[in-house]
C-alpha atoms as a PDB file:
ATOM      1  CA  MET A   1       0.048  -0.054  -0.028  1.00  0.00           C
ATOM      2  CA  LYS A   2       1.294   3.499  -0.944  1.00  0.00           C
ATOM      3  CA  PHE A   3       0.738   6.535   1.134  1.00  0.00           C
ATOM      4  CA  LEU A   4       1.691  10.187   0.744  1.00  0.00           C
ATOM      5  CA  ILE A   5       3.044  11.771   3.857  1.00  0.00           C
ATOM      6  CA  ILE A   6       3.319  15.511   4.081  1.00  0.00           C
ATOM      7  CA  GLN A   7       5.238  16.630   7.109  1.00  0.00           C
ATOM      8  CA  LYS A   8       5.792  20.176   8.350  1.00  0.00           C
ATOM      9  CA  ILE A   9       8.017  21.095  11.180  1.00  0.00           C
ATOM     10  CA  LYS A  10       6.410  22.992  14.003  1.00  0.00           C
ATOM     11  CA  ARG A  11       7.429  26.609  14.110  1.00  0.00           C
ATOM     12  CA  GLU A  12       8.056  26.648  17.806  1.00  0.00           C
ATOM     13  CA  VAL A  13      10.815  24.077  17.483  1.00  0.00           C
ATOM     14  CA  PRO A  14      13.929  25.684  18.809  1.00  0.00           C
ATOM     15  CA  LEU A  15      16.764  26.028  16.177  1.00  0.00           C
ATOM     16  CA  GLU A  16      19.194  24.035  18.454  1.00  0.00           C
ATOM     17  CA  LYS A  17      16.945  21.186  18.498  1.00  0.00           C
ATOM     18  CA  TRP A  18      16.009  21.328  14.757  1.00  0.00           C
ATOM     19  CA  SER A  19      19.707  21.412  13.786  1.00  0.00           C
ATOM     20  CA  LYS A  20      20.444  18.358  15.878  1.00  0.00           C
ATOM     21  CA  LEU A  21      17.370  16.273  14.653  1.00  0.00           C
ATOM     22  CA  LEU A  22      17.502  17.261  10.926  1.00  0.00           C
ATOM     23  CA  PRO A  23      20.720  15.257   9.993  1.00  0.00           C
ATOM     24  CA  LEU A  24      19.173  12.256  11.897  1.00  0.00           C
ATOM     25  CA  GLN A  25      15.990  12.624   9.903  1.00  0.00           C
ATOM     26  CA  PHE A  26      17.973  12.639   6.684  1.00  0.00           C
ATOM     27  CA  LYS A  27      19.826   9.372   7.869  1.00  0.00           C
ATOM     28  CA  TYR A  28      16.387   7.772   8.558  1.00  0.00           C
ATOM     29  CA  PHE A  29      14.910   8.573   5.157  1.00  0.00           C
ATOM     30  CA  GLU A  30      18.124   7.473   3.467  1.00  0.00           C
ATOM     31  CA  LYS A  31      17.724   4.066   5.348  1.00  0.00           C
ATOM     32  CA  LEU A  32      14.042   3.808   4.399  1.00  0.00           C
ATOM     33  CA  GLU A  33      15.075   4.518   0.630  1.00  0.00           C
ATOM     34  CA  LYS A  34      17.665   1.741   0.821  1.00  0.00           C
ATOM     35  CA  GLU A  35      14.982  -0.626   2.313  1.00  0.00           C
ATOM     36  CA  LYS A  36      12.700   0.293  -0.704  1.00  0.00           C
ATOM     37  CA  ILE A  37       9.988   1.660   1.747  1.00  0.00           C
ATOM     38  CA  VAL A  38      10.451   5.365   0.746  1.00  0.00           C
ATOM     39  CA  GLU A  39       9.844   5.640  -3.001  1.00  0.00           C
ATOM     40  CA  ALA A  40      10.086   9.484  -3.148  1.00  0.00           C
ATOM     41  CA  ASP A  41      11.211  12.054  -0.743  1.00  0.00           C
ATOM     42  CA  TYR A  42      11.060  15.816  -1.500  1.00  0.00           C
ATOM     43  CA  HIS A  43      11.679  19.087   0.217  1.00  0.00           C
ATOM     44  CA  LEU A  44       8.806  21.437   0.393  1.00  0.00           C
ATOM     45  CA  ILE A  45      10.084  24.622  -0.986  1.00  0.00           C
ATOM     46  CA  GLY A  46       9.699  27.731   1.169  1.00  0.00           C
ATOM     47  CA  GLN A  47       8.532  25.539   4.172  1.00  0.00           C
ATOM     48  CA  GLN A  48      10.412  23.417   6.769  1.00  0.00           C
ATOM     49  CA  GLY A  49       8.887  20.169   5.727  1.00  0.00           C
ATOM     50  CA  SER A  50       8.929  17.173   3.296  1.00  0.00           C
ATOM     51  CA  MET A  51       6.769  14.922   1.203  1.00  0.00           C
ATOM     52  CA  LEU A  52       7.277  11.291   1.106  1.00  0.00           C
ATOM     53  CA  ILE A  53       5.753   8.400  -0.861  1.00  0.00           C
ATOM     54  CA  VAL A  54       6.010   5.198   1.262  1.00  0.00           C
ATOM     55  CA  ASN A  55       5.173   1.695   0.329  1.00  0.00           C
ATOM     56  CA  VAL A  56       4.325  -0.496   3.186  1.00  0.00           C
ATOM     57  CA  ASP A  57       2.300  -3.857   3.713  1.00  0.00           C
ATOM     58  CA  SER A  58       0.205  -2.743   6.556  1.00  0.00           C
ATOM     59  CA  ASP A  59      -0.994  -0.086   8.914  1.00  0.00           C
ATOM     60  CA  GLU A  60       1.375  -1.223  11.561  1.00  0.00           C
ATOM     61  CA  ALA A  61       4.260  -0.775   9.164  1.00  0.00           C
ATOM     62  CA  LEU A  62       3.034   2.722   8.268  1.00  0.00           C
ATOM     63  CA  SER A  63       2.847   3.441  12.063  1.00  0.00           C
ATOM     64  CA  LYS A  64       6.322   2.293  12.544  1.00  0.00           C
ATOM     65  CA  VAL A  65       7.665   4.563   9.613  1.00  0.00           C
ATOM     66  CA  VAL A  66       5.921   7.480  11.101  1.00  0.00           C
ATOM     67  CA  GLY A  67       6.822   6.755  14.757  1.00  0.00           C
ATOM     68  CA  GLU A  68      10.419   6.190  14.364  1.00  0.00           C
ATOM     69  CA  ASP A  69      11.050   9.498  12.306  1.00  0.00           C
ATOM     70  CA  PRO A  70      13.443  11.480  14.672  1.00  0.00           C
ATOM     71  CA  MET A  71      11.256  14.508  14.091  1.00  0.00           C
ATOM     72  CA  PHE A  72       8.049  12.688  15.109  1.00  0.00           C
ATOM     73  CA  PHE A  73       7.322  14.945  18.232  1.00  0.00           C
ATOM     74  CA  HIS A  74       8.332  18.094  16.363  1.00  0.00           C
ATOM     75  CA  SER A  75       6.280  17.992  13.273  1.00  0.00           C
ATOM     76  CA  GLU A  76       2.743  17.833  12.117  1.00  0.00           C
ATOM     77  CA  ARG A  77       1.824  15.396   9.327  1.00  0.00           C
ATOM     78  CA  GLU A  78      -0.981  14.570   6.877  1.00  0.00           C
ATOM     79  CA  ILE A  79      -1.188  11.014   5.519  1.00  0.00           C
ATOM     80  CA  TYR A  80      -3.144   9.959   2.526  1.00  0.00           C
ATOM     81  CA  PRO A  81      -3.638   6.531   1.006  1.00  0.00           C
ATOM     82  CA  LEU A  82      -2.910   6.318  -2.693  1.00  0.00           C
ATOM     83  CA  THR A  83      -3.971   4.259  -5.655  1.00  0.00           C
ATOM     84  CA  THR A  84      -3.146   4.504  -9.335  1.00  0.00           C
ATOM     85  CA  ARG A  85      -5.105   6.064 -11.814  1.00  0.00           C
ATOM     86  CA  GLN A  86      -5.740   2.804 -13.542  1.00  0.00           C
ATOM     87  CA  THR A  87      -7.308   1.218 -10.376  1.00  0.00           C
ATOM     88  CA  HIS A  88      -9.249   4.381  -9.594  1.00  0.00           C
ATOM     89  CA  GLU A  89     -10.552   4.436 -13.227  1.00  0.00           C
ATOM     90  CA  LYS A  90     -11.650   0.670 -12.953  1.00  0.00           C
ATOM     91  CA  GLN A  91     -13.593   1.223  -9.803  1.00  0.00           C
ATOM     92  CA  ILE A  92     -15.370   4.419 -11.196  1.00  0.00           C
ATOM     93  CA  ARG A  93     -16.206   2.399 -14.369  1.00  0.00           C
ATOM     94  CA  GLY A  94     -17.686  -0.460 -12.261  1.00  0.00           C
ATOM     95  CA  LEU A  95     -19.802   2.068 -10.374  1.00  0.00           C
ATOM     96  CA  LEU A  96     -20.970   3.685 -13.541  1.00  0.00           C
ATOM     97  CA  GLN A  97     -22.024   0.539 -15.492  1.00  0.00           C
ATOM     98  CA  PRO A  98     -25.698  -0.637 -14.821  1.00  0.00           C
END
């Protein structure tokens, strides 16, 4: 299952804490990329945040990805389940056919 995670660092995070945790987060994302869990990782321009596309087998695995992020307690995130356009189209066609 693929999920889009949009994560933004809370503004009240002190610069000292942010500067220590950010390199740890970079290493964490690199590890997940090597494990083929993170398929895409982008910085959000003009914001202190990132966008990830993760591919996991369960909600437990998704919870682990999110919960082990070094910035977990210092960020807010939105998580969206993803599907392909083809799968979505097939579902819509099935709904529209009598």
